[in-house]
C-alpha atoms as a PDB file:
ATOM      1  CA  MET A   1      15.755  55.233 -30.040  1.00  0.00           C
ATOM      2  CA  PRO A   2      14.194  51.745 -29.904  1.00  0.00           C
ATOM      3  CA  LEU A   3      13.218  50.557 -26.494  1.00  0.00           C
ATOM      4  CA  ALA A   4      15.744  47.720 -26.522  1.00  0.00           C
ATOM      5  CA  VAL A   5      18.660  50.306 -26.843  1.00  0.00           C
ATOM      6  CA  ALA A   6      17.114  52.801 -24.335  1.00  0.00           C
ATOM      7  CA  ALA A   7      17.125  50.041 -21.684  1.00  0.00           C
ATOM      8  CA  ARG A   8      20.590  50.262 -21.555  1.00  0.00           C
ATOM      9  CA  VAL A   9      20.879  54.102 -20.952  1.00  0.00           C
ATOM     10  CA  ARG A  10      21.720  55.349 -17.549  1.00  0.00           C
ATOM     11  CA  PHE A  11      18.659  57.659 -17.201  1.00  0.00           C
ATOM     12  CA  GLU A  12      19.546  58.393 -13.679  1.00  0.00           C
ATOM     13  CA  ASP A  13      22.443  60.512 -15.012  1.00  0.00           C
ATOM     14  CA  GLY A  14      20.228  62.636 -17.203  1.00  0.00           C
ATOM     15  CA  ARG A  15      17.995  65.812 -16.713  1.00  0.00           C
ATOM     16  CA  PRO A  16      14.169  65.992 -16.719  1.00  0.00           C
ATOM     17  CA  VAL A  17      12.922  65.894 -20.421  1.00  0.00           C
ATOM     18  CA  ARG A  18      10.474  68.544 -19.681  1.00  0.00           C
ATOM     19  CA  GLU A  19      10.063  71.600 -17.312  1.00  0.00           C
ATOM     20  CA  PHE A  20       7.849  71.749 -14.468  1.00  0.00           C
ATOM     21  CA  PRO A  21       5.455  74.592 -15.113  1.00  0.00           C
ATOM     22  CA  SER A  22       4.737  77.075 -12.171  1.00  0.00           C
ATOM     23  CA  PHE A  23       1.850  79.608 -12.452  1.00  0.00           C
ATOM     24  CA  ARG A  24      -0.543  81.523 -10.417  1.00  0.00           C
ATOM     25  CA  GLY A  25      -3.632  79.638  -9.469  1.00  0.00           C
ATOM     26  CA  GLN A  26      -2.315  76.143 -10.332  1.00  0.00           C
ATOM     27  CA  ARG A  27      -3.664  73.204  -8.266  1.00  0.00           C
ATOM     28  CA  ASN A  28      -0.440  71.341  -7.965  1.00  0.00           C
ATOM     29  CA  TYR A  29       2.750  72.348  -6.071  1.00  0.00           C
ATOM     30  CA  PRO A  30       6.036  71.692  -7.903  1.00  0.00           C
ATOM     31  CA  GLY A  31       9.385  71.932  -6.293  1.00  0.00           C
ATOM     32  CA  LEU A  32      12.728  70.404  -5.629  1.00  0.00           C
ATOM     33  CA  TYR A  33      13.565  67.831  -3.093  1.00  0.00           C
ATOM     34  CA  TRP A  34      17.243  67.235  -1.968  1.00  0.00           C
ATOM     35  CA  SER A  35      17.741  63.497  -2.165  1.00  0.00           C
ATOM     36  CA  ALA A  36      20.128  61.974   0.292  1.00  0.00           C
ATOM     37  CA  THR A  37      20.439  58.953  -2.101  1.00  0.00           C
ATOM     38  CA  ALA A  38      21.312  61.079  -5.078  1.00  0.00           C
ATOM     39  CA  GLY A  39      23.189  63.928  -3.231  1.00  0.00           C
ATOM     40  CA  THR A  40      21.278  66.396  -5.382  1.00  0.00           C
ATOM     41  CA  HIS A  41      17.982  68.002  -5.904  1.00  0.00           C
ATOM     42  CA  VAL A  42      15.179  65.995  -7.672  1.00  0.00           C
ATOM     43  CA  GLY A  43      12.129  67.581  -9.034  1.00  0.00           C
ATOM     44  CA  TYR A  44       8.491  66.886  -8.364  1.00  0.00           C
ATOM     45  CA  GLU A  45       5.229  68.246  -9.698  1.00  0.00           C
ATOM     46  CA  SER A  46       2.868  67.794  -6.725  1.00  0.00           C
ATOM     47  CA  TRP A  47       2.867  66.973  -3.007  1.00  0.00           C
ATOM     48  CA  LEU A  48       1.986  63.394  -3.730  1.00  0.00           C
ATOM     49  CA  GLU A  49       5.185  63.024  -6.001  1.00  0.00           C
ATOM     50  CA  ARG A  50       7.177  64.673  -3.284  1.00  0.00           C
ATOM     51  CA  ASP A  51       5.822  61.934  -0.857  1.00  0.00           C
ATOM     52  CA  HIS A  52       6.745  59.263  -3.165  1.00  0.00           C
ATOM     53  CA  LEU A  53      10.157  60.740  -3.860  1.00  0.00           C
ATOM     54  CA  MET A  54      10.749  60.888  -0.138  1.00  0.00           C
ATOM     55  CA  ALA A  55       9.802  57.255   0.200  1.00  0.00           C
ATOM     56  CA  LEU A  56      12.131  56.339  -2.627  1.00  0.00           C
ATOM     57  CA  ASP A  57      14.897  58.364  -0.869  1.00  0.00           C
ATOM     58  CA  PHE A  58      14.149  56.320   2.289  1.00  0.00           C
ATOM     59  CA  ASP A  59      14.421  52.976   0.636  1.00  0.00           C
ATOM     60  CA  PRO A  60      17.733  51.454   1.179  1.00  0.00           C
ATOM     61  CA  GLN A  61      17.360  49.375  -2.041  1.00  0.00           C
ATOM     62  CA  VAL A  62      17.278  52.554  -4.141  1.00  0.00           C
ATOM     63  CA  SER A  63      20.653  53.766  -5.339  1.00  0.00           C
ATOM     64  CA  ALA A  64      19.449  56.607  -7.742  1.00  0.00           C
ATOM     65  CA  VAL A  65      16.368  58.275  -8.813  1.00  0.00           C
ATOM     66  CA  ALA A  66      15.619  60.829 -11.552  1.00  0.00           C
ATOM     67  CA  SER A  67      12.567  62.835 -12.265  1.00  0.00           C
ATOM     68  CA  GLN A  68      10.745  62.861 -15.520  1.00  0.00           C
ATOM     69  CA  PRO A  69      13.411  60.884 -17.110  1.00  0.00           C
ATOM     70  CA  LEU A  70      12.307  59.907 -20.459  1.00  0.00           C
ATOM     71  CA  TRP A  71       9.562  60.072 -23.113  1.00  0.00           C
ATOM     72  CA  LEU A  72       7.806  56.928 -24.315  1.00  0.00           C
ATOM     73  CA  PHE A  73       6.249  57.054 -27.755  1.00  0.00           C
ATOM     74  CA  TRP A  74       3.800  54.336 -29.390  1.00  0.00           C
ATOM     75  CA  ASP A  75       0.759  54.212 -31.801  1.00  0.00           C
ATOM     76  CA  ASN A  76      -2.711  53.693 -30.337  1.00  0.00           C
ATOM     77  CA  ALA A  77      -5.238  51.585 -31.914  1.00  0.00           C
ATOM     78  CA  GLU A  78      -6.224  54.414 -34.090  1.00  0.00           C
ATOM     79  CA  GLY A  79      -2.772  54.718 -35.295  1.00  0.00           C
ATOM     80  CA  LYS A  80      -2.085  58.136 -33.646  1.00  0.00           C
ATOM     81  CA  THR A  81       1.101  58.659 -31.751  1.00  0.00           C
ATOM     82  CA  VAL A  82       0.905  58.781 -27.974  1.00  0.00           C
ATOM     83  CA  SER A  83       3.589  59.811 -25.597  1.00  0.00           C
ATOM     84  CA  HIS A  84       4.088  59.633 -21.902  1.00  0.00           C
ATOM     85  CA  ALA A  85       6.888  60.809 -19.480  1.00  0.00           C
ATOM     86  CA  PRO A  86       6.795  58.599 -16.370  1.00  0.00           C
ATOM     87  CA  ASP A  87       7.335  60.550 -13.118  1.00  0.00           C
ATOM     88  CA  TYR A  88      10.507  58.665 -11.751  1.00  0.00           C
ATOM     89  CA  PHE A  89      13.173  56.450 -12.935  1.00  0.00           C
ATOM     90  CA  VAL A  90      14.597  54.474 -10.093  1.00  0.00           C
ATOM     91  CA  ARG A  91      17.857  52.306 -10.082  1.00  0.00           C
ATOM     92  CA  ARG A  92      17.887  49.733  -7.348  1.00  0.00           C
ATOM     93  CA  ALA A  93      21.062  48.609  -5.653  1.00  0.00           C
ATOM     94  CA  ASP A  94      20.987  45.316  -7.580  1.00  0.00           C
ATOM     95  CA  GLY A  95      20.968  47.191 -11.032  1.00  0.00           C
ATOM     96  CA  SER A  96      17.322  46.572 -11.692  1.00  0.00           C
ATOM     97  CA  VAL A  97      15.151  49.466 -12.885  1.00  0.00           C
ATOM     98  CA  LEU A  98      11.673  50.669 -11.617  1.00  0.00           C
ATOM     99  CA  LEU A  99       9.636  53.289 -13.448  1.00  0.00           C
ATOM    100  CA  VAL A 100       7.091  55.046 -11.151  1.00  0.00           C
ATOM    101  CA  ASP A 101       3.927  56.970 -12.044  1.00  0.00           C
ATOM    102  CA  SER A 102       2.195  59.020  -9.134  1.00  0.00           C
ATOM    103  CA  ARG A 103      -1.499  59.753  -9.432  1.00  0.00           C
ATOM    104  CA  PRO A 104      -4.287  59.778  -6.882  1.00  0.00           C
ATOM    105  CA  GLN A 105      -6.968  57.058  -7.295  1.00  0.00           C
ATOM    106  CA  GLU A 106      -9.705  59.506  -7.944  1.00  0.00           C
ATOM    107  CA  ARG A 107      -7.548  61.415 -10.723  1.00  0.00           C
ATOM    108  CA  ARG A 108      -7.111  58.463 -13.237  1.00  0.00           C
ATOM    109  CA  PRO A 109      -9.209  59.151 -16.238  1.00  0.00           C
ATOM    110  CA  THR A 110      -9.439  56.403 -18.894  1.00  0.00           C
ATOM    111  CA  ARG A 111      -7.178  58.094 -21.263  1.00  0.00           C
ATOM    112  CA  ASP A 112      -4.336  58.229 -18.554  1.00  0.00           C
ATOM    113  CA  LEU A 113      -5.104  54.597 -17.422  1.00  0.00           C
ATOM    114  CA  GLU A 114      -4.369  53.615 -21.053  1.00  0.00           C
ATOM    115  CA  LYS A 115      -1.044  55.495 -21.001  1.00  0.00           C
ATOM    116  CA  PHE A 116      -0.250  53.830 -17.784  1.00  0.00           C
ATOM    117  CA  ALA A 117      -1.019  50.393 -19.139  1.00  0.00           C
ATOM    118  CA  ALA A 118       1.209  51.133 -22.150  1.00  0.00           C
ATOM    119  CA  THR A 119       3.869  52.168 -19.913  1.00  0.00           C
ATOM    120  CA  GLU A 120       3.781  48.931 -18.116  1.00  0.00           C
ATOM    121  CA  GLN A 121       3.843  46.882 -21.247  1.00  0.00           C
ATOM    122  CA  ALA A 122       6.908  48.793 -22.299  1.00  0.00           C
ATOM    123  CA  CYS A 123       8.581  48.307 -19.079  1.00  0.00           C
ATOM    124  CA  ALA A 124       7.990  44.471 -19.199  1.00  0.00           C
ATOM    125  CA  GLU A 125       9.523  44.612 -22.818  1.00  0.00           C
ATOM    126  CA  ALA A 126      12.614  46.378 -21.376  1.00  0.00           C
ATOM    127  CA  CYS A 127      12.921  44.090 -18.449  1.00  0.00           C
ATOM    128  CA  TRP A 128      12.068  46.974 -15.992  1.00  0.00           C
ATOM    129  CA  SER A 129       9.451  47.045 -13.236  1.00  0.00           C
ATOM    130  CA  TYR A 130       6.568  49.447 -13.247  1.00  0.00           C
ATOM    131  CA  ALA A 131       4.531  50.867 -10.419  1.00  0.00           C
ATOM    132  CA  LEU A 132       1.521  53.219 -10.316  1.00  0.00           C
ATOM    133  CA  TRP A 133       1.298  54.795  -6.840  1.00  0.00           C
ATOM    134  CA  GLY A 134      -1.542  56.561  -5.084  1.00  0.00           C
ATOM    135  CA  GLU A 135      -1.787  58.068  -1.619  1.00  0.00           C
ATOM    136  CA  LEU A 136       0.522  56.626   0.987  1.00  0.00           C
ATOM    137  CA  ASP A 137      -0.459  55.737   4.377  1.00  0.00           C
ATOM    138  CA  PRO A 138      -0.950  59.176   6.237  1.00  0.00           C
ATOM    139  CA  VAL A 139       0.821  58.134   9.462  1.00  0.00           C
ATOM    140  CA  GLU A 140       3.880  56.757   7.565  1.00  0.00           C
ATOM    141  CA  VAL A 141       4.027  59.788   5.535  1.00  0.00           C
ATOM    142  CA  LEU A 142       4.015  62.039   8.770  1.00  0.00           C
ATOM    143  CA  ASN A 143       6.844  59.958  10.098  1.00  0.00           C
ATOM    144  CA  LEU A 144       8.924  60.010   6.930  1.00  0.00           C
ATOM    145  CA  ARG A 145       8.480  63.804   6.651  1.00  0.00           C
ATOM    146  CA  TRP A 146       9.829  64.106  10.250  1.00  0.00           C
ATOM    147  CA  LEU A 147      12.813  61.803   9.661  1.00  0.00           C
ATOM    148  CA  ALA A 148      13.469  63.350   6.201  1.00  0.00           C
ATOM    149  CA  GLY A 149      14.327  66.562   8.176  1.00  0.00           C
ATOM    150  CA  TYR A 150      17.497  64.844   9.473  1.00  0.00           C
ATOM    151  CA  ARG A 151      18.478  63.056   6.407  1.00  0.00           C
ATOM    152  CA  HIS A 152      21.481  65.287   5.652  1.00  0.00           C
ATOM    153  CA  PRO A 153      24.900  63.878   6.707  1.00  0.00           C
ATOM    154  CA  ARG A 154      25.507  67.017   8.815  1.00  0.00           C
ATOM    155  CA  CYS A 155      23.124  65.423  11.350  1.00  0.00           C
ATOM    156  CA  PHE A 156      25.613  62.672  12.050  1.00  0.00           C
ATOM    157  CA  ASN A 157      27.938  62.411  14.953  1.00  0.00           C
ATOM    158  CA  ALA A 158      30.050  59.326  15.272  1.00  0.00           C
ATOM    159  CA  GLU A 159      30.439  59.394  19.134  1.00  0.00           C
ATOM    160  CA  ALA A 160      26.706  59.785  19.736  1.00  0.00           C
ATOM    161  CA  ALA A 161      26.015  57.148  17.167  1.00  0.00           C
ATOM    162  CA  VAL A 162      28.196  54.558  18.920  1.00  0.00           C
ATOM    163  CA  ARG A 163      26.346  55.381  22.260  1.00  0.00           C
ATOM    164  CA  LEU A 164      23.043  54.977  20.597  1.00  0.00           C
ATOM    165  CA  ARG A 165      23.865  51.668  18.805  1.00  0.00           C
ATOM    166  CA  GLU A 166      24.954  50.200  22.172  1.00  0.00           C
ATOM    167  CA  PHE A 167      21.757  51.336  23.881  1.00  0.00           C
ATOM    168  CA  PHE A 168      19.461  50.050  21.342  1.00  0.00           C
ATOM    169  CA  ALA A 169      21.267  46.689  20.942  1.00  0.00           C
ATOM    170  CA  VAL A 170      18.259  45.795  23.237  1.00  0.00           C
ATOM    171  CA  PRO A 171      14.953  47.271  22.031  1.00  0.00           C
ATOM    172  CA  GLY A 172      14.141  50.410  23.952  1.00  0.00           C
ATOM    173  CA  PRO A 173      12.189  53.631  24.092  1.00  0.00           C
ATOM    174  CA  LEU A 174      13.208  56.364  21.878  1.00  0.00           C
ATOM    175  CA  MET A 175      13.638  59.138  24.359  1.00  0.00           C
ATOM    176  CA  GLU A 176      15.087  56.968  27.035  1.00  0.00           C
ATOM    177  CA  GLY A 177      17.925  56.102  24.509  1.00  0.00           C
ATOM    178  CA  ALA A 178      18.619  59.713  23.725  1.00  0.00           C
ATOM    179  CA  GLU A 179      18.914  60.725  27.371  1.00  0.00           C
ATOM    180  CA  CYS A 180      21.276  57.864  28.043  1.00  0.00           C
ATOM    181  CA  ALA A 181      23.513  58.817  25.117  1.00  0.00           C
ATOM    182  CA  GLY A 182      23.876  62.386  26.171  1.00  0.00           C
ATOM    183  CA  ASP A 183      22.140  65.759  26.059  1.00  0.00           C
ATOM    184  CA  PRO A 184      18.912  65.093  24.069  1.00  0.00           C
ATOM    185  CA  ILE A 185      19.074  68.194  22.115  1.00  0.00           C
ATOM    186  CA  ALA A 186      22.447  67.092  20.773  1.00  0.00           C
ATOM    187  CA  VAL A 187      21.590  63.344  20.418  1.00  0.00           C
ATOM    188  CA  LEU A 188      18.118  63.311  18.951  1.00  0.00           C
ATOM    189  CA  PRO A 189      19.355  64.659  15.560  1.00  0.00           C
ATOM    190  CA  VAL A 190      21.881  61.934  15.422  1.00  0.00           C
ATOM    191  CA  LEU A 191      19.187  59.418  16.615  1.00  0.00           C
ATOM    192  CA  PHE A 192      16.680  60.484  13.938  1.00  0.00           C
ATOM    193  CA  HIS A 193      19.555  60.410  11.211  1.00  0.00           C
ATOM    194  CA  LEU A 194      20.317  56.889  12.191  1.00  0.00           C
ATOM    195  CA  MET A 195      16.501  56.204  11.786  1.00  0.00           C
ATOM    196  CA  TRP A 196      16.605  57.740   8.332  1.00  0.00           C
ATOM    197  CA  ARG A 197      19.508  55.624   7.394  1.00  0.00           C
ATOM    198  CA  GLN A 198      17.550  52.539   8.867  1.00  0.00           C
ATOM    199  CA  GLU A 199      20.350  51.633  11.193  1.00  0.00           C
ATOM    200  CA  LEU A 200      17.706  52.120  14.022  1.00  0.00           C
ATOM    201  CA  VAL A 201      14.253  50.786  13.027  1.00  0.00           C
ATOM    202  CA  CYS A 202      10.783  50.776  14.413  1.00  0.00           C
ATOM    203  CA  ASP A 203       7.161  50.375  13.428  1.00  0.00           C
ATOM    204  CA  LEU A 204       6.378  53.433  11.207  1.00  0.00           C
ATOM    205  CA  SER A 205       2.759  52.581  11.088  1.00  0.00           C
ATOM    206  CA  ALA A 206       2.437  54.304  14.486  1.00  0.00           C
ATOM    207  CA  LEU A 207       3.148  57.877  15.037  1.00  0.00           C
ATOM    208  CA  LEU A 208       6.532  58.448  16.294  1.00  0.00           C
ATOM    209  CA  GLY A 209       6.962  59.664  19.923  1.00  0.00           C
ATOM    210  CA  GLY A 210       9.219  59.564  22.992  1.00  0.00           C
ATOM    211  CA  ARG A 211       7.822  56.052  23.862  1.00  0.00           C
ATOM    212  CA  THR A 212       8.456  54.596  20.311  1.00  0.00           C
ATOM    213  CA  VAL A 213      10.531  51.344  20.850  1.00  0.00           C
ATOM    214  CA  LEU A 214      13.511  51.285  18.532  1.00  0.00           C
ATOM    215  CA  ARG A 215      16.119  48.546  17.891  1.00  0.00           C
ATOM    216  CA  LEU A 216      19.173  47.872  15.796  1.00  0.00           C
ATOM    217  CA  ALA A 217      18.424  46.827  12.366  1.00  0.00           C
ATOM    218  CA  GLY A 218      18.907  43.183  11.945  1.00  0.00           C
ATOM    219  CA  GLU A 219      18.446  42.474  15.625  1.00  0.00           C
ATOM    220  CA  GLY A 220      15.037  40.667  15.450  1.00  0.00           C
ATOM    221  CA  GLU A 221      11.517  41.821  15.377  1.00  0.00           C
ATOM    222  CA  LEU A 222       9.878  44.093  17.966  1.00  0.00           C
END
């Protein structure tokens, strides 16, 4: 269908337009990631894509995400038809759209850069945003991987959450807040779940630890 028509399609409700191959000796590692935002599994084709998917899942401005959502077709300068399937279709909470491609900086040959440029142009015509993402900050990735382990709603406990919100109304150390809210073994999963939901926030550019200072979201900067 024409791009102007496709721009109105809810691609977040669709299935991937192609399969993720898995074979012995392959250099990338495909898999499925359970998205707390989507409430279902979303595919990825590499660990870099998984990290990007995790970051999208963590972003409160993202309301839906789909992997390999669509094919784009166009004719190049030689008149040959070229195709590309972006890695992720992202619907933001305000209804706007972002297409994401994941590729390390050192793995962007000219042929692929031309495809990324054409995809960016198509997004502009469709009034979508486009991003080509490379490696993320390694410390932030480690922190997100840890918090993602507590993203499922089963980690939430209403009573513990109330006590944690009360303690961190004033910025304070992570472990001290967990101990004040009850048994840390029971409370820490709730605390990390609130951090995943970004009700409790901190500086994620530093490695998380017991002395990490947390605060309630919207209560001023650390």
